[in-house]
Amino acid sequence: MSLLTYNIGEFESSQILAEEIRKVRPDNVWFLAEAEWEWRFDDVLLSALHDVNPDIKILHGSFDCSYYDDIAKKYNIERSSFIFWPTFFFNWGENCLNNEFNYKQTDNTRFDKPFVTYFGNPHLHRCHLIDNYARLNIIDKGLITWNIKGYNFRFNYFDNNLIIKDDYLKLLHSYIVTEEYQRCLVDCVAEATSYVPFITEKTARPLLMKKPFVVLGCHKYNEYLKKLGFELYDEIIDYSFDDMPDVETRSIFYAETVRNDICNIKDYNKTYQMLLPKIEHNYNNIIRIINDKTYFPYFISESLKKNKFKTSHCERYRYLFERTIPY
């Protein structure tokens, strides 16, 4: 039984993939995109897949949701082809964060700002969010970065000028945190997408660094965290924004939550101590998930045991599978 595997990080061109699929005519083709929430198929690649008709697996790092019903229909791909690994970034994020510094020695005793929001790429929900931060005059209240201008968004309040306070432009990842980040009480996370429940290192970071956080992501994102056993900080945060299906409305309510609930906190250290039982619970829960290999997709764990993977990229699966993190 022949198998071809492709990783989105090593993706060259659909033409090359299509030619290889037609030449090899494999029984199985696996598209590995555990660090993404989508794999973009074009007509060239789809034509080769439909001609050869292999068994397909498409691995994503998100939760399963109705979004993939539409994608399967759009590409004429069997819905069962989609495999999901929503806890991938807990494992990979912990590994990358640990390689940068000893995150377990984070100093959570010297808070002088109510919140932090690191903005990477200017996705739609992030543009809406920083525009509402500007509307509410809270950009200077916390630690804000704006690394890449949003050229395809009409801002009503934000000037769209760069605010560089981290190394995102150079590193293109969120594993470096400045000392100033540690002095912010709440990490107000603007996740990678507003379309699907996709947990990245942006959410893993405050969990591992024992920091209160609140996430702007897809509709009901924070409910997915609860399903994984995490507790929300509803003592200080109104999560009603999470119930808003429309991303623009959700961003408005989220920004108002940051202003009304977080920027009005008077005693940062007292608030942190009040939340500490939940903070410790959430830290222990993410370590539990990292160490529980049943969260790995079954076909990944079985392929590792049978040594099916032949690409160098897939060695990180083995590394993460065999790695155990002490509490």
Protein backbone atom coordinates (compact mmCIF):
# COMPACT_ATOMS: atom_id res chain seq x y z
CA MET A 1 0.00 0.00 0.00
CA SER A 2 1.66 3.23 -1.17
CA LEU A 3 1.47 6.50 0.78
CA LEU A 4 2.38 10.10 -0.04
CA THR A 5 2.51 12.74 2.71
CA TYR A 6 2.64 16.48 2.23
CA ASN A 7 3.19 19.13 4.88
CA ILE A 8 1.87 22.64 4.38
CA GLY A 9 5.18 24.09 5.60
CA GLU A 10 7.03 22.27 2.81
CA PHE A 11 4.42 23.05 0.17
CA GLU A 12 6.11 24.01 -3.11
CA SER A 13 3.36 24.16 -5.73
CA SER A 14 0.15 22.38 -6.52
CA GLN A 15 1.54 21.54 -9.96
CA ILE A 16 4.44 19.57 -8.46
CA LEU A 17 2.11 17.73 -6.08
CA ALA A 18 -0.33 16.93 -8.86
CA GLU A 19 2.43 15.56 -11.09
CA GLU A 20 3.76 13.35 -8.29
CA ILE A 21 0.29 12.02 -7.42
CA ARG A 22 -0.36 11.13 -11.05
CA LYS A 23 3.06 9.48 -11.43
CA VAL A 24 3.01 7.44 -8.21
CA ARG A 25 -0.75 6.78 -8.18
CA PRO A 26 -0.69 6.20 -4.40
CA ASP A 27 -3.35 4.39 -2.42
CA ASN A 28 -3.20 7.06 0.29
CA VAL A 29 -2.40 10.77 0.35
CA TRP A 30 -2.06 12.64 3.63
CA PHE A 31 -2.07 16.43 3.79
CA LEU A 32 -0.52 17.45 7.11
CA ALA A 33 -1.49 20.94 8.25
CA GLU A 34 -1.66 20.55 12.01
CA ALA A 35 -0.29 24.07 12.50
CA GLU A 36 -3.01 25.56 10.30
CA TRP A 37 -6.79 25.55 10.13
CA GLU A 38 -7.01 25.14 6.38
CA TRP A 39 -5.30 23.63 3.35
CA ARG A 40 -5.97 25.47 0.13
CA PHE A 41 -6.76 23.13 -2.73
CA ASP A 42 -6.81 24.50 -6.26
CA ASP A 43 -8.18 23.01 -9.46
CA VAL A 44 -4.81 21.53 -10.51
CA LEU A 45 -4.40 19.52 -7.32
CA LEU A 46 -8.07 18.60 -7.09
CA SER A 47 -8.05 17.29 -10.65
CA ALA A 48 -5.15 14.95 -9.86
CA LEU A 49 -6.80 13.70 -6.68
CA HIS A 50 -10.09 13.02 -8.42
CA ASP A 51 -8.34 11.25 -11.31
CA VAL A 52 -6.20 8.96 -9.11
CA ASN A 53 -8.84 8.71 -6.34
CA PRO A 54 -6.59 7.82 -3.39
CA ASP A 55 -7.82 7.62 0.19
CA ILE A 56 -7.25 11.12 1.57
CA LYS A 57 -6.56 12.42 5.08
CA ILE A 58 -6.41 16.16 5.70
CA LEU A 59 -5.04 17.02 9.15
CA HIS A 60 -5.87 20.40 10.69
CA GLY A 61 -5.05 21.86 14.10
CA SER A 62 -8.57 23.12 14.74
CA PHE A 63 -11.67 21.62 16.27
CA ASP A 64 -14.15 19.98 13.93
CA CYS A 65 -17.01 22.32 13.04
CA SER A 66 -19.57 23.05 10.33
CA TYR A 67 -17.05 25.15 8.39
CA TYR A 68 -15.55 21.93 7.07
CA ASP A 69 -18.92 20.76 5.76
CA ASP A 70 -18.78 23.66 3.33
CA ILE A 71 -15.12 23.01 2.45
CA ALA A 72 -15.78 19.33 1.74
CA LYS A 73 -18.70 20.27 -0.49
CA LYS A 74 -16.73 23.00 -2.25
CA TYR A 75 -13.84 20.67 -3.10
CA ASN A 76 -15.94 17.52 -3.57
CA ILE A 77 -13.92 15.74 -0.87
CA GLU A 78 -15.33 13.16 1.52
CA ARG A 79 -16.17 14.80 4.85
CA SER A 80 -14.54 11.89 6.69
CA SER A 81 -11.21 12.86 5.10
CA PHE A 82 -10.83 15.72 7.59
CA ILE A 83 -8.92 14.84 10.77
CA PHE A 84 -8.55 17.31 13.64
CA TRP A 85 -5.87 17.87 16.27
CA PRO A 86 -7.08 20.90 18.27
CA THR A 87 -4.50 20.48 21.06
CA PHE A 88 -1.45 20.38 18.77
CA PHE A 89 -0.23 23.84 19.79
CA PHE A 90 -0.28 22.90 23.45
CA ASN A 91 2.47 20.38 22.71
CA TRP A 92 4.33 22.36 20.08
CA GLY A 93 3.83 25.71 21.81
CA GLU A 94 5.21 24.41 25.10
CA ASN A 95 8.23 23.01 23.32
CA CYS A 96 8.96 26.26 21.47
CA LEU A 97 8.33 28.45 24.50
CA ASN A 98 10.61 26.27 26.62
CA ASN A 99 13.36 26.58 24.03
CA GLU A 100 13.31 30.36 24.36
CA PHE A 101 13.38 30.77 28.13
CA ASN A 102 12.36 29.15 31.40
CA TYR A 103 8.69 30.08 31.30
CA LYS A 104 8.12 28.35 34.66
CA GLN A 105 10.03 31.19 36.33
CA THR A 106 7.75 33.91 35.04
CA ASP A 107 7.50 36.80 37.50
CA ASN A 108 3.80 37.44 38.14
CA THR A 109 4.31 39.84 41.03
CA ARG A 110 5.13 43.18 39.37
CA PHE A 111 2.09 44.11 37.33
CA ASP A 112 1.85 47.71 36.17
CA LYS A 113 -0.47 47.41 33.15
CA PRO A 114 -3.97 45.91 33.04
CA PHE A 115 -3.63 44.02 29.75
CA VAL A 116 -1.52 43.08 26.73
CA THR A 117 -2.57 42.36 23.14
CA TYR A 118 0.08 41.21 20.66
CA PHE A 119 -1.16 41.68 17.09
CA GLY A 120 0.58 39.71 14.36
CA ASN A 121 -0.90 39.59 10.86
CA PRO A 122 -3.74 42.12 10.41
CA HIS A 123 -6.60 39.65 10.01
CA LEU A 124 -10.13 41.02 9.82
CA HIS A 125 -11.06 40.44 13.48
CA ARG A 126 -7.79 41.99 14.63
CA CYS A 127 -8.38 45.09 12.52
CA HIS A 128 -11.86 45.40 14.01
CA LEU A 129 -10.41 44.94 17.50
CA ILE A 130 -7.65 47.52 17.37
CA ASP A 131 -10.04 49.96 15.69
CA ASN A 132 -12.33 49.56 18.68
CA TYR A 133 -9.41 49.86 21.09
CA ALA A 134 -8.80 53.25 19.45
CA ARG A 135 -12.50 54.14 19.60
CA LEU A 136 -12.48 53.47 23.34
CA ASN A 137 -9.13 55.23 23.90
CA ILE A 138 -7.49 52.22 25.57
CA ILE A 139 -4.51 51.61 23.27
CA ASP A 140 -2.26 53.46 25.71
CA LYS A 141 -3.78 51.69 28.72
CA GLY A 142 -2.10 48.37 27.98
CA LEU A 143 0.78 46.88 26.02
CA ILE A 144 -0.23 46.87 22.35
CA THR A 145 1.71 45.88 19.25
CA TRP A 146 0.69 46.50 15.64
CA ASN A 147 3.39 44.98 13.49
CA ILE A 148 1.87 44.96 10.00
CA LYS A 149 -0.44 47.60 8.56
CA GLY A 150 -3.94 46.55 7.57
CA TYR A 151 -4.15 47.80 4.00
CA ASN A 152 -7.41 46.06 3.11
CA PHE A 153 -9.43 47.41 6.02
CA ARG A 154 -11.09 50.78 6.43
CA PHE A 155 -10.25 52.02 9.91
CA ASN A 156 -12.60 54.54 11.47
CA TYR A 157 -10.60 55.36 14.61
CA PHE A 158 -7.15 53.73 14.47
CA ASP A 159 -4.41 55.53 12.51
CA ASN A 160 -2.94 52.19 11.29
CA ASN A 161 0.56 53.27 12.33
CA LEU A 162 2.95 50.55 13.43
CA ILE A 163 3.45 49.91 17.13
CA ILE A 164 6.58 47.74 17.45
CA LYS A 165 7.25 46.37 20.92
CA ASP A 166 8.25 42.78 20.17
CA ASP A 167 10.27 40.82 17.62
CA TYR A 168 7.35 39.47 15.61
CA LEU A 169 8.45 40.99 12.30
CA LYS A 170 11.85 39.34 12.60
CA LEU A 171 10.76 36.02 14.09
CA LEU A 172 7.17 35.65 12.78
CA HIS A 173 6.14 33.72 15.88
CA SER A 174 4.85 34.47 19.38
CA TYR A 175 7.34 32.55 21.49
CA ILE A 176 9.48 35.54 22.49
CA VAL A 177 7.90 37.57 25.26
CA THR A 178 9.38 40.75 26.58
CA GLU A 179 9.79 41.60 30.24
CA GLU A 180 7.07 44.20 29.73
CA TYR A 181 4.67 41.40 28.73
CA GLN A 182 5.17 39.79 32.11
CA ARG A 183 4.16 43.03 33.85
CA CYS A 184 0.72 42.97 32.20
CA LEU A 185 -2.05 41.32 34.23
CA VAL A 186 -4.35 39.89 31.51
CA ASP A 187 -3.33 38.57 28.11
CA CYS A 188 -6.10 39.71 25.77
CA VAL A 189 -5.49 37.24 22.98
CA ALA A 190 -6.50 37.96 19.38
CA GLU A 191 -6.37 34.43 17.99
CA ALA A 192 -5.30 33.42 14.48
CA THR A 193 -8.77 33.23 12.91
CA SER A 194 -12.36 34.21 13.58
CA TYR A 195 -13.81 31.47 11.36
CA VAL A 196 -13.09 28.23 13.20
CA PRO A 197 -12.13 27.18 16.76
CA PHE A 198 -8.35 27.06 16.28
CA ILE A 199 -6.13 27.18 19.38
CA THR A 200 -2.58 28.39 18.75
CA GLU A 201 0.48 29.29 20.79
CA LYS A 202 -1.21 32.64 21.46
CA THR A 203 -3.59 30.88 23.86
CA ALA A 204 -1.04 28.33 25.08
CA ARG A 205 1.34 31.11 26.14
CA PRO A 206 -0.71 32.61 29.03
CA LEU A 207 -1.80 29.12 30.13
CA LEU A 208 1.83 28.05 30.49
CA MET A 209 3.01 31.35 31.93
CA LYS A 210 0.23 31.35 34.54
CA LYS A 211 -1.38 34.53 33.32
CA PRO A 212 -5.13 35.31 33.26
CA PHE A 213 -6.34 35.66 29.67
CA VAL A 214 -9.40 36.16 27.51
CA VAL A 215 -9.59 35.23 23.83
CA LEU A 216 -11.16 36.86 20.79
CA GLY A 217 -11.50 34.11 18.22
CA CYS A 218 -14.36 32.39 16.49
CA HIS A 219 -17.94 32.39 17.72
CA LYS A 220 -18.02 30.70 21.18
CA TYR A 221 -14.28 30.11 21.18
CA ASN A 222 -14.05 30.17 24.97
CA GLU A 223 -16.67 27.42 25.19
CA TYR A 224 -14.23 25.12 23.40
CA LEU A 225 -11.66 25.85 26.11
CA LYS A 226 -14.20 24.81 28.72
CA LYS A 227 -14.75 21.53 26.86
CA LEU A 228 -11.03 20.84 27.31
CA GLY A 229 -11.33 21.35 31.06
CA PHE A 230 -10.13 24.95 31.35
CA GLU A 231 -11.85 27.44 33.64
CA LEU A 232 -12.80 30.96 32.54
CA TYR A 233 -12.05 34.04 34.61
CA ASP A 234 -15.66 35.09 34.94
CA GLU A 235 -15.00 36.71 38.31
CA ILE A 236 -13.57 39.68 36.43
CA ILE A 237 -14.55 39.17 32.77
CA ASP A 238 -17.93 39.31 31.04
CA TYR A 239 -17.81 36.65 28.30
CA SER A 240 -21.06 37.66 26.61
CA PHE A 241 -19.05 38.89 23.61
CA ASP A 242 -18.39 35.22 22.81
CA ASP A 243 -22.08 34.71 22.00
CA MET A 244 -22.04 37.23 19.15
CA PRO A 245 -22.00 35.34 15.80
CA ASP A 246 -20.96 38.40 13.78
CA VAL A 247 -17.22 39.08 13.98
CA GLU A 248 -17.58 42.87 13.90
CA THR A 249 -20.10 42.86 16.75
CA ARG A 250 -18.02 40.34 18.68
CA SER A 251 -14.97 42.60 18.35
CA ILE A 252 -16.95 45.62 19.59
CA PHE A 253 -18.20 43.78 22.67
CA TYR A 254 -14.76 42.27 23.33
CA ALA A 255 -13.08 45.68 23.26
CA GLU A 256 -15.73 47.03 25.63
CA THR A 257 -15.08 44.09 27.95
CA VAL A 258 -11.38 45.00 27.98
CA ARG A 259 -12.23 48.61 28.80
CA ASN A 260 -15.00 48.00 31.33
CA ASP A 261 -13.77 44.85 33.09
CA ILE A 262 -9.98 44.82 32.76
CA CYS A 263 -8.89 48.45 32.50
CA ASN A 264 -10.94 49.25 35.61
CA ILE A 265 -9.13 46.75 37.85
CA LYS A 266 -7.68 48.75 40.74
CA ASP A 267 -5.31 46.29 42.42
CA TYR A 268 -3.53 44.01 39.94
CA ASN A 269 -1.72 41.86 42.48
CA LYS A 270 -4.81 41.36 44.63
CA THR A 271 -6.80 40.37 41.54
CA TYR A 272 -4.09 37.92 40.49
CA GLN A 273 -4.11 36.27 43.91
CA MET A 274 -7.90 35.99 43.79
CA LEU A 275 -7.64 34.22 40.41
CA LEU A 276 -4.66 32.07 41.38
CA PRO A 277 -6.63 28.83 42.04
CA LYS A 278 -8.03 28.95 38.50
CA ILE A 279 -4.66 29.97 37.08
CA GLU A 280 -3.02 26.94 38.72
CA HIS A 281 -5.85 24.67 37.58
CA ASN A 282 -5.47 25.85 33.99
CA TYR A 283 -1.71 25.39 34.07
CA ASN A 284 -2.04 21.87 35.43
CA ASN A 285 -4.72 21.13 32.84
CA ILE A 286 -2.57 22.13 29.87
CA ILE A 287 0.31 19.99 31.18
CA ARG A 288 -2.12 17.10 31.64
CA ILE A 289 -3.27 17.44 28.03
CA ILE A 290 0.31 17.64 26.74
CA ASN A 291 1.19 14.41 28.57
CA ASP A 292 -2.00 12.58 27.53
CA LYS A 293 -1.17 11.00 24.18
CA THR A 294 -4.80 10.11 23.52
CA TYR A 295 -5.18 13.70 22.32
CA PHE A 296 -2.97 12.82 19.35
CA PRO A 297 -4.97 11.84 16.26
CA TYR A 298 -5.23 8.06 16.13
CA PHE A 299 -3.70 7.77 12.69
CA ILE A 300 -0.67 9.79 13.86
CA SER A 301 0.00 7.64 16.93
CA GLU A 302 -0.56 4.40 15.02
CA SER A 303 1.69 5.53 12.17
CA LEU A 304 4.42 6.41 14.64
CA LYS A 305 4.20 2.96 16.20
CA LYS A 306 4.39 1.30 12.78
CA ASN A 307 7.08 3.70 11.51
CA LYS A 308 4.97 4.73 8.51
CA PHE A 309 6.17 8.30 8.35
CA LYS A 310 9.08 8.84 5.99
CA THR A 311 9.44 12.64 5.88
CA SER A 312 11.76 14.55 8.18
CA HIS A 313 8.94 16.89 9.20
CA CYS A 314 7.05 14.03 10.80
CA GLU A 315 9.90 13.41 13.23
CA ARG A 316 8.47 16.24 15.29
CA TYR A 317 5.36 14.10 15.74
CA ARG A 318 7.54 11.40 17.26
CA TYR A 319 9.40 13.91 19.40
CA LEU A 320 6.18 15.40 20.77
CA PHE A 321 4.62 11.96 21.24
CA GLU A 322 7.53 10.71 23.32
CA ARG A 323 8.01 13.92 25.30
CA THR A 324 6.67 14.22 28.85
CA ILE A 325 6.46 17.51 30.75
CA PRO A 326 6.81 17.46 34.55
CA TYR A 327 4.17 19.29 36.55
